[in-house]
Amino acid sequence: MAGSLKDQLLNIGLVDQKKAKKADSEKKKQKKQANKARKSGQTVVDEKAAKQQALEQQRKEKQERDRLLNLQRDEERQNREIEAQCRQMIMQQQINLPDNAELTYNFVYDKKVKTMYVTSDLQAQLIRGQVAIATLDEKFYLIPDKFAEKIEQRIPDYVIRVQPEEEPDEDDPYADYKIPDDLMW
């Protein structure tokens, strides 16, 4: 089977004579336009090269989109892992509140005052900062301070800390009269 591809296709019967002539005339027209453009100093527009360049550009854009999507997925996976670690730490390190806890401990969460019943020992530890309050699924747990710090480094919204008392002004006439934390009204 020697000969050009056109001859081979004609012999097999996949292409008829009209289509072959039309393809030849198109090819000659393109060649003529390219020669004319070269002679006049204009740039030659090669459709194949333009299509190839457009395909290459689309491929690069798709690679960039895929890369960004992979980064986003990795970040989401990492955030889920961190959240799971914090949840596990809270559940494992929580201090069980006794059923006979009679003292109320009030704290601010989400701009609302919440109440938790604690023992006097736990209340003193909360005031000193040895114990912190962790929130998980709108429930509150007491956890040791060192674990609260670890959780707070990862997800600060999970930990509620007691604010230290502010130093009174020197001019305050009531500076000597401090209100005790365990004052019951």
N, C-alpha and C. Protein backbone atom coordinates (compact mmCIF):
# COMPACT_ATOMS: atom_id res chain seq x y z
N MET A 1 0.83 -1.18 0.00
CA MET A 1 0.00 0.00 0.00
C MET A 1 0.87 1.24 0.00
N ALA A 2 1.40 1.55 -1.10
CA ALA A 2 2.20 2.76 -1.22
C ALA A 2 1.29 3.90 -1.65
N GLY A 3 1.77 5.11 -1.49
CA GLY A 3 0.99 6.26 -1.89
C GLY A 3 0.62 7.11 -0.69
N SER A 4 0.00 8.22 -0.98
CA SER A 4 -0.37 9.14 0.10
C SER A 4 -1.59 8.62 0.85
N LEU A 5 -1.82 9.24 1.95
CA LEU A 5 -2.96 8.86 2.78
C LEU A 5 -4.26 9.08 2.01
N LYS A 6 -4.30 10.16 1.23
CA LYS A 6 -5.50 10.47 0.44
C LYS A 6 -5.79 9.34 -0.54
N ASP A 7 -4.73 8.87 -1.22
CA ASP A 7 -4.92 7.78 -2.19
C ASP A 7 -5.40 6.50 -1.49
N GLN A 8 -4.83 6.23 -0.34
CA GLN A 8 -5.20 5.04 0.40
C GLN A 8 -6.67 5.10 0.82
N LEU A 9 -7.11 6.27 1.32
CA LEU A 9 -8.50 6.44 1.74
C LEU A 9 -9.45 6.34 0.56
N LEU A 10 -9.03 6.86 -0.60
CA LEU A 10 -9.86 6.76 -1.80
C LEU A 10 -9.99 5.30 -2.23
N ASN A 11 -8.89 4.56 -2.20
CA ASN A 11 -8.90 3.16 -2.61
C ASN A 11 -9.79 2.31 -1.69
N ILE A 12 -9.77 2.59 -0.39
CA ILE A 12 -10.57 1.82 0.54
C ILE A 12 -12.05 2.19 0.42
N GLY A 13 -12.29 3.44 0.05
CA GLY A 13 -13.67 3.87 -0.11
C GLY A 13 -14.19 4.67 1.07
N LEU A 14 -13.32 5.09 1.94
CA LEU A 14 -13.74 5.90 3.08
C LEU A 14 -13.99 7.35 2.68
N VAL A 15 -13.33 7.80 1.61
CA VAL A 15 -13.47 9.19 1.16
C VAL A 15 -13.82 9.14 -0.34
N ASP A 16 -14.72 10.03 -0.74
CA ASP A 16 -15.02 10.10 -2.17
C ASP A 16 -14.18 11.20 -2.83
N GLN A 17 -14.25 11.27 -4.15
CA GLN A 17 -13.41 12.19 -4.92
C GLN A 17 -13.71 13.65 -4.58
N LYS A 18 -14.97 13.99 -4.34
CA LYS A 18 -15.35 15.38 -4.03
C LYS A 18 -14.68 15.86 -2.74
N LYS A 19 -14.77 15.04 -1.73
CA LYS A 19 -14.19 15.43 -0.44
C LYS A 19 -12.67 15.57 -0.55
N ALA A 20 -12.04 14.73 -1.31
CA ALA A 20 -10.59 14.80 -1.49
C ALA A 20 -10.20 16.09 -2.18
N LYS A 21 -10.94 16.47 -3.24
CA LYS A 21 -10.64 17.72 -3.95
C LYS A 21 -10.87 18.92 -3.05
N LYS A 22 -11.94 18.88 -2.27
CA LYS A 22 -12.26 19.99 -1.36
C LYS A 22 -11.15 20.17 -0.33
N ALA A 23 -10.65 19.07 0.22
CA ALA A 23 -9.57 19.13 1.20
C ALA A 23 -8.30 19.70 0.58
N ASP A 24 -8.02 19.29 -0.69
CA ASP A 24 -6.84 19.82 -1.39
C ASP A 24 -6.96 21.31 -1.63
N SER A 25 -8.15 21.75 -2.05
CA SER A 25 -8.32 23.19 -2.32
C SER A 25 -8.21 24.00 -1.02
N GLU A 26 -8.72 23.49 0.09
CA GLU A 26 -8.59 24.19 1.38
C GLU A 26 -7.13 24.31 1.78
N LYS A 27 -6.40 23.24 1.56
CA LYS A 27 -4.99 23.23 1.92
C LYS A 27 -4.23 24.25 1.08
N LYS A 28 -4.54 24.31 -0.21
CA LYS A 28 -3.87 25.28 -1.10
C LYS A 28 -4.21 26.71 -0.70
N LYS A 29 -5.49 26.96 -0.35
CA LYS A 29 -5.91 28.31 0.07
C LYS A 29 -5.14 28.76 1.31
N GLN A 30 -5.01 27.87 2.25
CA GLN A 30 -4.30 28.21 3.49
C GLN A 30 -2.83 28.51 3.19
N LYS A 31 -2.24 27.70 2.32
CA LYS A 31 -0.84 27.91 1.97
C LYS A 31 -0.67 29.25 1.27
N LYS A 32 -1.59 29.57 0.36
CA LYS A 32 -1.54 30.82 -0.39
C LYS A 32 -1.67 32.02 0.56
N GLN A 33 -2.61 31.94 1.51
CA GLN A 33 -2.80 33.03 2.47
C GLN A 33 -1.56 33.21 3.34
N ALA A 34 -0.95 32.11 3.74
CA ALA A 34 0.25 32.19 4.56
C ALA A 34 1.39 32.85 3.79
N ASN A 35 1.55 32.48 2.52
CA ASN A 35 2.61 33.09 1.70
C ASN A 35 2.35 34.58 1.50
N LYS A 36 1.11 34.93 1.22
CA LYS A 36 0.72 36.32 1.02
C LYS A 36 0.98 37.14 2.29
N ALA A 37 0.63 36.58 3.42
CA ALA A 37 0.82 37.28 4.69
C ALA A 37 2.31 37.45 4.99
N ARG A 38 3.12 36.44 4.68
CA ARG A 38 4.56 36.53 4.91
C ARG A 38 5.18 37.61 4.06
N LYS A 39 4.76 37.70 2.81
CA LYS A 39 5.31 38.68 1.89
C LYS A 39 4.93 40.10 2.29
N SER A 40 3.74 40.29 2.82
CA SER A 40 3.28 41.62 3.20
C SER A 40 3.78 42.01 4.59
N GLY A 41 4.41 41.12 5.31
CA GLY A 41 4.97 41.44 6.63
C GLY A 41 4.03 41.16 7.78
N GLN A 42 2.88 40.64 7.52
CA GLN A 42 1.94 40.32 8.59
C GLN A 42 2.33 39.00 9.23
N THR A 43 1.88 38.85 10.46
CA THR A 43 2.17 37.57 11.12
C THR A 43 1.23 36.51 10.58
N VAL A 44 1.77 35.35 10.48
CA VAL A 44 0.99 34.23 9.96
C VAL A 44 0.22 33.60 11.12
N VAL A 45 -1.07 33.47 10.94
CA VAL A 45 -1.91 32.86 11.95
C VAL A 45 -2.06 31.38 11.60
N ASP A 46 -1.43 30.58 12.40
CA ASP A 46 -1.52 29.14 12.19
C ASP A 46 -2.61 28.62 13.11
N GLU A 47 -3.68 28.10 12.50
CA GLU A 47 -4.83 27.66 13.29
C GLU A 47 -4.47 26.48 14.19
N LYS A 48 -3.65 25.58 13.67
CA LYS A 48 -3.26 24.43 14.48
C LYS A 48 -2.46 24.87 15.70
N ALA A 49 -1.54 25.79 15.47
CA ALA A 49 -0.71 26.27 16.58
C ALA A 49 -1.58 27.03 17.59
N ALA A 50 -2.54 27.79 17.09
CA ALA A 50 -3.43 28.53 17.99
C ALA A 50 -4.29 27.58 18.82
N LYS A 51 -4.80 26.54 18.17
CA LYS A 51 -5.59 25.54 18.90
C LYS A 51 -4.74 24.81 19.93
N GLN A 52 -3.51 24.48 19.51
CA GLN A 52 -2.59 23.79 20.41
C GLN A 52 -2.27 24.67 21.62
N GLN A 53 -2.07 25.94 21.36
CA GLN A 53 -1.76 26.87 22.44
C GLN A 53 -2.96 27.02 23.38
N ALA A 54 -4.16 27.09 22.81
CA ALA A 54 -5.37 27.20 23.63
C ALA A 54 -5.55 25.94 24.48
N LEU A 55 -5.30 24.77 23.89
CA LEU A 55 -5.39 23.52 24.65
C LEU A 55 -4.36 23.47 25.77
N GLU A 56 -3.16 23.95 25.48
CA GLU A 56 -2.10 23.98 26.51
C GLU A 56 -2.50 24.92 27.65
N GLN A 57 -3.08 26.06 27.29
CA GLN A 57 -3.53 27.02 28.31
C GLN A 57 -4.63 26.40 29.18
N GLN A 58 -5.59 25.73 28.55
CA GLN A 58 -6.66 25.07 29.30
C GLN A 58 -6.11 23.99 30.22
N ARG A 59 -5.12 23.25 29.74
CA ARG A 59 -4.52 22.21 30.55
C ARG A 59 -3.82 22.81 31.78
N LYS A 60 -3.11 23.93 31.57
CA LYS A 60 -2.44 24.59 32.70
C LYS A 60 -3.46 25.13 33.71
N GLU A 61 -4.55 25.71 33.21
CA GLU A 61 -5.59 26.22 34.11
C GLU A 61 -6.22 25.09 34.90
N LYS A 62 -6.45 23.96 34.23
CA LYS A 62 -7.04 22.80 34.92
C LYS A 62 -6.08 22.28 35.99
N GLN A 63 -4.79 22.25 35.70
CA GLN A 63 -3.81 21.81 36.69
C GLN A 63 -3.81 22.73 37.90
N GLU A 64 -3.89 24.04 37.64
CA GLU A 64 -3.91 25.01 38.74
C GLU A 64 -5.17 24.84 39.59
N ARG A 65 -6.34 24.66 38.93
CA ARG A 65 -7.58 24.43 39.67
C ARG A 65 -7.49 23.16 40.51
N ASP A 66 -6.95 22.10 39.92
CA ASP A 66 -6.81 20.84 40.65
C ASP A 66 -5.86 20.99 41.84
N ARG A 67 -4.78 21.73 41.65
CA ARG A 67 -3.82 21.95 42.73
C ARG A 67 -4.48 22.71 43.88
N LEU A 68 -5.23 23.76 43.55
CA LEU A 68 -5.92 24.53 44.58
C LEU A 68 -6.98 23.69 45.29
N LEU A 69 -7.68 22.87 44.53
CA LEU A 69 -8.70 21.99 45.11
C LEU A 69 -8.06 20.97 46.05
N ASN A 70 -6.92 20.42 45.66
CA ASN A 70 -6.21 19.49 46.53
C ASN A 70 -5.73 20.16 47.80
N LEU A 71 -5.23 21.39 47.69
CA LEU A 71 -4.81 22.13 48.88
C LEU A 71 -5.98 22.36 49.82
N GLN A 72 -7.13 22.71 49.25
CA GLN A 72 -8.32 22.95 50.05
C GLN A 72 -8.78 21.66 50.74
N ARG A 73 -8.74 20.55 50.03
CA ARG A 73 -9.12 19.26 50.62
C ARG A 73 -8.17 18.88 51.74
N ASP A 74 -6.87 19.09 51.52
CA ASP A 74 -5.89 18.77 52.56
C ASP A 74 -6.11 19.62 53.81
N GLU A 75 -6.42 20.90 53.60
CA GLU A 75 -6.67 21.79 54.73
C GLU A 75 -7.92 21.36 55.50
N GLU A 76 -8.97 21.00 54.78
CA GLU A 76 -10.21 20.53 55.43
C GLU A 76 -9.96 19.25 56.22
N ARG A 77 -9.20 18.33 55.63
CA ARG A 77 -8.87 17.08 56.31
C ARG A 77 -8.06 17.35 57.58
N GLN A 78 -7.11 18.27 57.47
CA GLN A 78 -6.29 18.61 58.64
C GLN A 78 -7.15 19.26 59.73
N ASN A 79 -8.09 20.12 59.34
CA ASN A 79 -8.98 20.75 60.32
C ASN A 79 -9.86 19.71 61.01
N ARG A 80 -10.34 18.73 60.25
CA ARG A 80 -11.15 17.67 60.85
C ARG A 80 -10.33 16.84 61.83
N GLU A 81 -9.06 16.58 61.48
CA GLU A 81 -8.19 15.83 62.38
C GLU A 81 -7.94 16.59 63.68
N ILE A 82 -7.70 17.88 63.57
CA ILE A 82 -7.46 18.71 64.76
C ILE A 82 -8.70 18.74 65.63
N GLU A 83 -9.86 18.90 65.01
CA GLU A 83 -11.11 18.91 65.78
C GLU A 83 -11.34 17.57 66.47
N ALA A 84 -11.04 16.48 65.79
CA ALA A 84 -11.21 15.16 66.40
C ALA A 84 -10.24 14.98 67.58
N GLN A 85 -9.03 15.48 67.45
CA GLN A 85 -8.07 15.40 68.56
C GLN A 85 -8.57 16.19 69.77
N CYS A 86 -9.08 17.39 69.52
CA CYS A 86 -9.59 18.22 70.62
C CYS A 86 -10.79 17.55 71.29
N ARG A 87 -11.69 17.02 70.50
CA ARG A 87 -12.86 16.33 71.06
C ARG A 87 -12.41 15.15 71.94
N GLN A 88 -11.46 14.39 71.43
CA GLN A 88 -10.98 13.24 72.18
C GLN A 88 -10.32 13.68 73.48
N MET A 89 -9.53 14.76 73.42
CA MET A 89 -8.87 15.25 74.63
C MET A 89 -9.90 15.70 75.67
N ILE A 90 -10.93 16.40 75.23
CA ILE A 90 -11.96 16.86 76.16
C ILE A 90 -12.67 15.67 76.80
N MET A 91 -13.04 14.70 75.99
CA MET A 91 -13.78 13.56 76.53
C MET A 91 -12.93 12.70 77.47
N GLN A 92 -11.64 12.58 77.19
CA GLN A 92 -10.78 11.75 78.02
C GLN A 92 -10.36 12.46 79.31
N GLN A 93 -10.18 13.77 79.25
CA GLN A 93 -9.63 14.49 80.39
C GLN A 93 -10.68 15.23 81.21
N GLN A 94 -11.94 15.07 80.90
CA GLN A 94 -12.97 15.80 81.62
C GLN A 94 -13.00 15.39 83.10
N ILE A 95 -13.30 16.37 83.92
CA ILE A 95 -13.44 16.13 85.35
C ILE A 95 -14.92 15.89 85.61
N ASN A 96 -15.22 14.75 86.19
CA ASN A 96 -16.62 14.41 86.44
C ASN A 96 -17.17 15.27 87.58
N LEU A 97 -18.30 15.87 87.32
CA LEU A 97 -18.97 16.69 88.34
C LEU A 97 -19.79 15.78 89.25
N PRO A 98 -19.62 15.91 90.54
CA PRO A 98 -20.41 15.07 91.45
C PRO A 98 -21.88 15.49 91.45
N ASP A 99 -22.72 14.55 91.76
CA ASP A 99 -24.16 14.81 91.78
C ASP A 99 -24.56 15.73 92.93
N ASN A 100 -23.76 15.76 93.99
CA ASN A 100 -24.11 16.58 95.15
C ASN A 100 -23.53 17.99 95.08
N ALA A 101 -23.09 18.43 93.91
CA ALA A 101 -22.54 19.78 93.75
C ALA A 101 -23.66 20.80 93.94
N GLU A 102 -23.45 21.71 94.90
CA GLU A 102 -24.51 22.66 95.22
C GLU A 102 -24.16 24.09 94.85
N LEU A 103 -22.90 24.39 94.68
CA LEU A 103 -22.50 25.76 94.36
C LEU A 103 -22.68 26.03 92.87
N THR A 104 -23.19 27.20 92.57
CA THR A 104 -23.33 27.57 91.16
C THR A 104 -22.11 28.37 90.75
N TYR A 105 -21.64 28.09 89.58
CA TYR A 105 -20.54 28.85 89.00
C TYR A 105 -21.05 29.46 87.71
N ASN A 106 -21.05 30.78 87.64
CA ASN A 106 -21.56 31.50 86.47
C ASN A 106 -20.40 31.94 85.59
N PHE A 107 -20.57 31.81 84.30
CA PHE A 107 -19.57 32.22 83.34
C PHE A 107 -20.27 32.70 82.07
N VAL A 108 -19.53 33.42 81.26
CA VAL A 108 -20.09 33.98 80.03
C VAL A 108 -19.69 33.09 78.86
N TYR A 109 -20.69 32.70 78.10
CA TYR A 109 -20.46 31.93 76.88
C TYR A 109 -21.38 32.46 75.79
N ASP A 110 -20.80 32.86 74.69
CA ASP A 110 -21.57 33.35 73.54
C ASP A 110 -22.47 34.52 73.94
N LYS A 111 -21.90 35.44 74.72
CA LYS A 111 -22.58 36.66 75.19
C LYS A 111 -23.78 36.36 76.09
N LYS A 112 -23.79 35.18 76.68
CA LYS A 112 -24.86 34.82 77.60
C LYS A 112 -24.22 34.26 78.87
N VAL A 113 -24.88 34.47 79.97
CA VAL A 113 -24.40 33.95 81.24
C VAL A 113 -24.92 32.53 81.41
N LYS A 114 -23.99 31.62 81.60
CA LYS A 114 -24.34 30.21 81.79
C LYS A 114 -24.00 29.81 83.23
N THR A 115 -24.66 28.79 83.72
CA THR A 115 -24.46 28.33 85.09
C THR A 115 -24.06 26.86 85.09
N MET A 116 -23.12 26.56 85.99
CA MET A 116 -22.66 25.18 86.15
C MET A 116 -22.60 24.91 87.65
N TYR A 117 -23.07 23.77 88.06
CA TYR A 117 -23.01 23.41 89.47
C TYR A 117 -21.70 22.67 89.75
N VAL A 118 -20.95 23.20 90.73
CA VAL A 118 -19.64 22.64 91.07
C VAL A 118 -19.50 22.51 92.58
N THR A 119 -18.47 21.81 92.99
CA THR A 119 -18.15 21.72 94.42
C THR A 119 -17.27 22.91 94.78
N SER A 120 -17.05 23.11 96.07
CA SER A 120 -16.23 24.25 96.50
C SER A 120 -14.78 24.09 96.04
N ASP A 121 -14.28 22.85 96.03
CA ASP A 121 -12.91 22.61 95.55
C ASP A 121 -12.78 22.98 94.07
N LEU A 122 -13.74 22.54 93.26
CA LEU A 122 -13.70 22.86 91.83
C LEU A 122 -13.87 24.35 91.59
N GLN A 123 -14.70 25.00 92.42
CA GLN A 123 -14.88 26.44 92.28
C GLN A 123 -13.57 27.17 92.55
N ALA A 124 -12.86 26.75 93.59
CA ALA A 124 -11.58 27.37 93.93
C ALA A 124 -10.57 27.13 92.80
N GLN A 125 -10.56 25.94 92.23
CA GLN A 125 -9.64 25.64 91.13
C GLN A 125 -9.98 26.46 89.89
N LEU A 126 -11.26 26.66 89.64
CA LEU A 126 -11.68 27.49 88.51
C LEU A 126 -11.21 28.93 88.70
N ILE A 127 -11.36 29.44 89.91
CA ILE A 127 -10.98 30.82 90.19
C ILE A 127 -9.47 31.01 90.05
N ARG A 128 -8.70 30.02 90.52
CA ARG A 128 -7.24 30.10 90.42
C ARG A 128 -6.73 29.81 89.02
N GLY A 129 -7.54 29.25 88.17
CA GLY A 129 -7.13 28.96 86.80
C GLY A 129 -6.51 27.58 86.64
N GLN A 130 -6.66 26.72 87.63
CA GLN A 130 -6.13 25.37 87.53
C GLN A 130 -7.03 24.46 86.70
N VAL A 131 -8.27 24.85 86.57
CA VAL A 131 -9.25 24.11 85.80
C VAL A 131 -9.92 25.10 84.84
N ALA A 132 -10.20 24.65 83.64
CA ALA A 132 -10.87 25.50 82.65
C ALA A 132 -12.15 24.81 82.19
N ILE A 133 -12.98 25.58 81.56
CA ILE A 133 -14.25 25.06 81.03
C ILE A 133 -14.08 24.85 79.53
N ALA A 134 -14.43 23.67 79.07
CA ALA A 134 -14.40 23.37 77.63
C ALA A 134 -15.82 23.19 77.15
N THR A 135 -16.10 23.66 75.97
CA THR A 135 -17.42 23.51 75.40
C THR A 135 -17.34 22.59 74.19
N LEU A 136 -18.31 21.71 74.13
CA LEU A 136 -18.35 20.76 73.02
C LEU A 136 -19.81 20.42 72.76
N ASP A 137 -20.28 20.76 71.58
CA ASP A 137 -21.67 20.51 71.19
C ASP A 137 -22.64 21.12 72.20
N GLU A 138 -22.39 22.37 72.57
CA GLU A 138 -23.25 23.11 73.50
C GLU A 138 -23.32 22.50 74.89
N LYS A 139 -22.39 21.63 75.25
CA LYS A 139 -22.28 21.10 76.60
C LYS A 139 -20.96 21.58 77.17
N PHE A 140 -20.90 21.68 78.49
CA PHE A 140 -19.73 22.23 79.15
C PHE A 140 -19.06 21.16 80.01
N TYR A 141 -17.74 21.13 79.94
CA TYR A 141 -16.94 20.16 80.67
C TYR A 141 -15.82 20.89 81.39
N LEU A 142 -15.43 20.39 82.53
CA LEU A 142 -14.28 20.91 83.24
C LEU A 142 -13.07 20.04 82.88
N ILE A 143 -11.97 20.71 82.50
CA ILE A 143 -10.76 19.98 82.14
C ILE A 143 -9.56 20.65 82.81
N PRO A 144 -8.49 19.91 83.07
CA PRO A 144 -7.29 20.50 83.66
C PRO A 144 -6.70 21.58 82.75
N ASP A 145 -6.01 22.52 83.37
CA ASP A 145 -5.50 23.68 82.65
C ASP A 145 -4.49 23.31 81.57
N LYS A 146 -3.62 22.34 81.82
CA LYS A 146 -2.60 22.02 80.81
C LYS A 146 -3.24 21.47 79.53
N PHE A 147 -4.33 20.74 79.66
CA PHE A 147 -5.02 20.25 78.47
C PHE A 147 -5.83 21.37 77.81
N ALA A 148 -6.32 22.28 78.64
CA ALA A 148 -7.05 23.44 78.08
C ALA A 148 -6.11 24.27 77.21
N GLU A 149 -4.85 24.40 77.63
CA GLU A 149 -3.88 25.15 76.84
C GLU A 149 -3.63 24.47 75.49
N LYS A 150 -3.50 23.15 75.51
CA LYS A 150 -3.28 22.42 74.26
C LYS A 150 -4.46 22.58 73.31
N ILE A 151 -5.66 22.49 73.86
CA ILE A 151 -6.86 22.65 73.03
C ILE A 151 -6.97 24.07 72.53
N GLU A 152 -6.65 25.01 73.40
CA GLU A 152 -6.76 26.42 73.03
C GLU A 152 -5.78 26.79 71.91
N GLN A 153 -4.64 26.14 71.85
CA GLN A 153 -3.68 26.38 70.77
C GLN A 153 -4.26 25.92 69.43
N ARG A 154 -5.03 24.86 69.46
CA ARG A 154 -5.58 24.32 68.22
C ARG A 154 -6.89 24.98 67.84
N ILE A 155 -7.84 24.99 68.79
CA ILE A 155 -9.15 25.60 68.52
C ILE A 155 -9.52 26.46 69.73
N PRO A 156 -9.28 27.76 69.66
CA PRO A 156 -9.53 28.63 70.82
C PRO A 156 -11.00 28.70 71.24
N ASP A 157 -11.93 28.45 70.34
CA ASP A 157 -13.35 28.56 70.67
C ASP A 157 -13.83 27.47 71.60
N TYR A 158 -13.07 26.41 71.76
CA TYR A 158 -13.50 25.29 72.60
C TYR A 158 -13.25 25.53 74.09
N VAL A 159 -12.44 26.53 74.44
CA VAL A 159 -12.05 26.73 75.83
C VAL A 159 -12.58 28.07 76.34
N ILE A 160 -13.17 28.02 77.55
CA ILE A 160 -13.64 29.23 78.22
C ILE A 160 -12.77 29.39 79.46
N ARG A 161 -12.08 30.50 79.55
CA ARG A 161 -11.21 30.75 80.69
C ARG A 161 -11.80 31.83 81.58
N VAL A 162 -11.49 31.72 82.85
CA VAL A 162 -11.90 32.74 83.80
C VAL A 162 -10.95 33.92 83.64
N GLN A 163 -11.51 35.09 83.50
CA GLN A 163 -10.68 36.28 83.36
C GLN A 163 -10.07 36.64 84.70
N PRO A 164 -8.76 36.92 84.73
CA PRO A 164 -8.15 37.30 86.00
C PRO A 164 -8.72 38.65 86.48
N GLU A 165 -8.71 38.81 87.78
CA GLU A 165 -9.26 40.05 88.33
C GLU A 165 -8.39 41.22 87.94
N GLU A 166 -9.03 42.33 87.64
CA GLU A 166 -8.31 43.53 87.27
C GLU A 166 -7.81 44.21 88.54
N GLU A 167 -6.67 44.84 88.42
CA GLU A 167 -6.12 45.58 89.55
C GLU A 167 -6.97 46.84 89.75
N PRO A 168 -7.38 47.13 90.98
CA PRO A 168 -8.18 48.33 91.20
C PRO A 168 -7.32 49.59 91.06
N ASP A 169 -8.01 50.66 90.74
CA ASP A 169 -7.33 51.95 90.64
C ASP A 169 -6.79 52.35 92.01
N GLU A 170 -5.73 53.13 92.00
CA GLU A 170 -5.15 53.59 93.26
C GLU A 170 -6.08 54.58 93.96
N ASP A 171 -6.88 55.27 93.17
CA ASP A 171 -7.77 56.29 93.73
C ASP A 171 -9.10 55.71 94.20
N ASP A 172 -9.33 54.45 93.97
CA ASP A 172 -10.60 53.82 94.30
C ASP A 172 -10.74 53.72 95.83
N PRO A 173 -11.79 54.37 96.39
CA PRO A 173 -11.93 54.32 97.85
C PRO A 173 -12.38 52.94 98.35
N TYR A 174 -12.89 52.10 97.47
CA TYR A 174 -13.36 50.78 97.87
C TYR A 174 -12.37 49.67 97.51
N ALA A 175 -11.14 50.04 97.23
CA ALA A 175 -10.14 49.06 96.83
C ALA A 175 -9.88 48.03 97.93
N ASP A 176 -10.02 48.43 99.16
CA ASP A 176 -9.76 47.50 100.26
C ASP A 176 -10.91 46.53 100.50
N TYR A 177 -12.06 46.81 99.90
CA TYR A 177 -13.24 45.97 100.12
C TYR A 177 -13.49 45.12 98.86
N LYS A 178 -12.88 43.98 98.82
CA LYS A 178 -13.03 43.12 97.65
C LYS A 178 -14.27 42.25 97.81
N ILE A 179 -14.92 42.00 96.69
CA ILE A 179 -16.10 41.13 96.69
C ILE A 179 -15.61 39.70 96.53
N PRO A 180 -15.95 38.84 97.46
CA PRO A 180 -15.48 37.45 97.33
C PRO A 180 -16.16 36.75 96.15
N ASP A 181 -15.42 35.81 95.55
CA ASP A 181 -15.93 35.09 94.38
C ASP A 181 -17.06 34.14 94.75
N ASP A 182 -17.07 33.69 95.96
CA ASP A 182 -18.08 32.72 96.37
C ASP A 182 -19.26 33.36 97.07
N LEU A 183 -19.42 34.66 96.90
CA LEU A 183 -20.51 35.38 97.54
C LEU A 183 -21.83 34.91 96.98
N MET A 184 -22.72 34.54 97.85
CA MET A 184 -24.04 34.07 97.44
C MET A 184 -25.05 35.18 97.72
N TRP A 185 -25.79 35.58 96.75
CA TRP A 185 -26.76 36.68 96.91
C TRP A 185 -28.08 36.14 97.37
